[in-house]
Amino acid sequence: MSTLLFLVVIGGVYAYGKYIRKDKYRVMMADPITGQRKWLSHVDGVSNRFEYTVAQNSAMIFSNGETAEHYAKIIPSNITTVIEIKKLGGWKKLDGQGL
């Protein structure tokens, strides 16, 4: 009986992670000289200005991976950008295999 309950709980967690919970995305940048990591926190489209933060919790969160990829592409090319995705285990770098 306890084995069946265990399997049901594991199946429920898997179903929640796979089908119910939505992934979240954010854009992380690495300074090519210092190696310091910063996250995109604000975009001003009128004056074409970007704001960055070192606080991970203040980063701009996207619910759509294509939108995060769009913002990563318009950041100046001398800055290394990485898209991070939040899964059940926390934030992980997107591996480049597409969204």
C-alpha atoms as a PDB file:
ATOM      1  CA  MET A   1       0.000   0.000   0.000  1.00  0.00           C
ATOM      2  CA  SER A   2       2.795   2.448   0.840  1.00  0.00           C
ATOM      3  CA  THR A   3       4.518   1.653  -2.479  1.00  0.00           C
ATOM      4  CA  LEU A   4       1.334   2.528  -4.354  1.00  0.00           C
ATOM      5  CA  LEU A   5       0.993   5.785  -2.412  1.00  0.00           C
ATOM      6  CA  PHE A   6       4.627   6.609  -3.163  1.00  0.00           C
ATOM      7  CA  LEU A   7       4.095   6.016  -6.890  1.00  0.00           C
ATOM      8  CA  VAL A   8       0.957   8.187  -6.889  1.00  0.00           C
ATOM      9  CA  VAL A   9       2.838  11.038  -5.179  1.00  0.00           C
ATOM     10  CA  ILE A  10       5.756  10.775  -7.625  1.00  0.00           C
ATOM     11  CA  GLY A  11       3.317  10.712 -10.552  1.00  0.00           C
ATOM     12  CA  GLY A  12       1.528  13.783  -9.197  1.00  0.00           C
ATOM     13  CA  VAL A  13       4.769  15.729  -8.847  1.00  0.00           C
ATOM     14  CA  TYR A  14       5.791  14.724 -12.367  1.00  0.00           C
ATOM     15  CA  ALA A  15       2.416  15.740 -13.841  1.00  0.00           C
ATOM     16  CA  TYR A  16       2.540  19.090 -12.034  1.00  0.00           C
ATOM     17  CA  GLY A  17       6.026  19.835 -13.298  1.00  0.00           C
ATOM     18  CA  LYS A  18       5.359  18.661 -16.844  1.00  0.00           C
ATOM     19  CA  TYR A  19       1.823  19.861 -17.603  1.00  0.00           C
ATOM     20  CA  ILE A  20       0.543  22.370 -15.030  1.00  0.00           C
ATOM     21  CA  ARG A  21       3.432  24.588 -13.942  1.00  0.00           C
ATOM     22  CA  LYS A  22       4.589  27.143 -16.506  1.00  0.00           C
ATOM     23  CA  ASP A  23       8.280  27.744 -17.108  1.00  0.00           C
ATOM     24  CA  LYS A  24       9.760  31.167 -16.385  1.00  0.00           C
ATOM     25  CA  TYR A  25      12.646  32.790 -18.219  1.00  0.00           C
ATOM     26  CA  ARG A  26      15.126  35.580 -17.503  1.00  0.00           C
ATOM     27  CA  VAL A  27      18.128  37.083 -19.301  1.00  0.00           C
ATOM     28  CA  MET A  28      21.508  36.900 -17.584  1.00  0.00           C
ATOM     29  CA  MET A  29      24.532  38.831 -18.831  1.00  0.00           C
ATOM     30  CA  ALA A  30      28.208  38.372 -18.088  1.00  0.00           C
ATOM     31  CA  ASP A  31      30.612  41.296 -18.282  1.00  0.00           C
ATOM     32  CA  PRO A  32      33.380  40.158 -20.672  1.00  0.00           C
ATOM     33  CA  ILE A  33      36.086  41.984 -18.696  1.00  0.00           C
ATOM     34  CA  THR A  34      35.198  41.423 -15.034  1.00  0.00           C
ATOM     35  CA  GLY A  35      33.063  38.282 -15.397  1.00  0.00           C
ATOM     36  CA  GLN A  36      30.416  39.821 -13.140  1.00  0.00           C
ATOM     37  CA  ARG A  37      26.911  38.446 -13.691  1.00  0.00           C
ATOM     38  CA  LYS A  38      23.941  40.782 -14.018  1.00  0.00           C
ATOM     39  CA  TRP A  39      20.301  40.263 -14.892  1.00  0.00           C
ATOM     40  CA  LEU A  40      18.070  42.383 -17.114  1.00  0.00           C
ATOM     41  CA  SER A  41      15.724  44.352 -14.853  1.00  0.00           C
ATOM     42  CA  HIS A  42      14.104  47.026 -17.037  1.00  0.00           C
ATOM     43  CA  VAL A  43      13.835  47.978 -20.703  1.00  0.00           C
ATOM     44  CA  ASP A  44      12.907  51.480 -21.881  1.00  0.00           C
ATOM     45  CA  GLY A  45      11.858  51.065 -25.502  1.00  0.00           C
ATOM     46  CA  VAL A  46      11.423  54.787 -26.152  1.00  0.00           C
ATOM     47  CA  SER A  47      15.000  55.797 -25.345  1.00  0.00           C
ATOM     48  CA  ASN A  48      16.466  52.353 -26.172  1.00  0.00           C
ATOM     49  CA  ARG A  49      17.916  51.959 -22.661  1.00  0.00           C
ATOM     50  CA  PHE A  50      18.479  48.822 -20.611  1.00  0.00           C
ATOM     51  CA  GLU A  51      18.850  48.563 -16.841  1.00  0.00           C
ATOM     52  CA  TYR A  52      20.646  45.710 -15.122  1.00  0.00           C
ATOM     53  CA  THR A  53      20.750  44.413 -11.567  1.00  0.00           C
ATOM     54  CA  VAL A  54      23.050  42.149  -9.580  1.00  0.00           C
ATOM     55  CA  ALA A  55      20.098  41.006  -7.430  1.00  0.00           C
ATOM     56  CA  GLN A  56      18.616  37.874  -8.969  1.00  0.00           C
ATOM     57  CA  ASN A  57      15.182  38.485  -7.396  1.00  0.00           C
ATOM     58  CA  SER A  58      14.907  41.887  -9.127  1.00  0.00           C
ATOM     59  CA  ALA A  59      15.387  40.428 -12.608  1.00  0.00           C
ATOM     60  CA  MET A  60      12.731  40.819 -15.276  1.00  0.00           C
ATOM     61  CA  ILE A  61      10.830  37.520 -15.575  1.00  0.00           C
ATOM     62  CA  PHE A  62       9.303  36.382 -18.859  1.00  0.00           C
ATOM     63  CA  SER A  63       6.572  33.776 -19.196  1.00  0.00           C
ATOM     64  CA  ASN A  64       7.407  33.230 -22.853  1.00  0.00           C
ATOM     65  CA  GLY A  65      10.793  31.938 -23.994  1.00  0.00           C
ATOM     66  CA  GLU A  66      10.604  33.661 -27.379  1.00  0.00           C
ATOM     67  CA  THR A  67      10.234  37.057 -25.667  1.00  0.00           C
ATOM     68  CA  ALA A  68      13.292  36.394 -23.494  1.00  0.00           C
ATOM     69  CA  GLU A  69      15.222  35.367 -26.593  1.00  0.00           C
ATOM     70  CA  HIS A  70      14.141  38.589 -28.366  1.00  0.00           C
ATOM     71  CA  TYR A  71      15.439  40.757 -25.513  1.00  0.00           C
ATOM     72  CA  ALA A  72      18.676  38.758 -25.347  1.00  0.00           C
ATOM     73  CA  LYS A  73      19.271  39.480 -29.051  1.00  0.00           C
ATOM     74  CA  ILE A  74      18.767  43.263 -28.811  1.00  0.00           C
ATOM     75  CA  ILE A  75      21.248  43.709 -25.955  1.00  0.00           C
ATOM     76  CA  PRO A  76      24.556  45.132 -27.283  1.00  0.00           C
ATOM     77  CA  SER A  77      26.702  42.458 -28.911  1.00  0.00           C
ATOM     78  CA  ASN A  78      29.775  43.020 -26.722  1.00  0.00           C
ATOM     79  CA  ILE A  79      27.853  41.615 -23.726  1.00  0.00           C
ATOM     80  CA  THR A  80      27.556  37.852 -23.388  1.00  0.00           C
ATOM     81  CA  THR A  81      23.906  36.904 -22.784  1.00  0.00           C
ATOM     82  CA  VAL A  82      22.442  33.666 -21.471  1.00  0.00           C
ATOM     83  CA  ILE A  83      18.769  32.794 -21.128  1.00  0.00           C
ATOM     84  CA  GLU A  84      17.938  31.039 -17.869  1.00  0.00           C
ATOM     85  CA  ILE A  85      14.861  28.893 -17.338  1.00  0.00           C
ATOM     86  CA  LYS A  86      13.225  28.084 -14.021  1.00  0.00           C
ATOM     87  CA  LYS A  87      12.362  24.429 -13.639  1.00  0.00           C
ATOM     88  CA  LEU A  88      11.443  22.455 -10.533  1.00  0.00           C
ATOM     89  CA  GLY A  89      15.057  22.424  -9.360  1.00  0.00           C
ATOM     90  CA  GLY A  90      15.628  26.172  -9.709  1.00  0.00           C
ATOM     91  CA  TRP A  91      17.179  28.400 -12.359  1.00  0.00           C
ATOM     92  CA  LYS A  92      19.262  26.682 -15.038  1.00  0.00           C
ATOM     93  CA  LYS A  93      20.970  27.952 -18.179  1.00  0.00           C
ATOM     94  CA  LEU A  94      19.064  27.156 -21.342  1.00  0.00           C
ATOM     95  CA  ASP A  95      21.261  24.719 -23.251  1.00  0.00           C
ATOM     96  CA  GLY A  96      20.876  26.308 -26.690  1.00  0.00           C
ATOM     97  CA  GLN A  97      18.721  23.501 -28.074  1.00  0.00           C
ATOM     98  CA  GLY A  98      15.861  25.949 -28.612  1.00  0.00           C
ATOM     99  CA  LEU A  99      12.845  26.924 -26.574  1.00  0.00           C
END
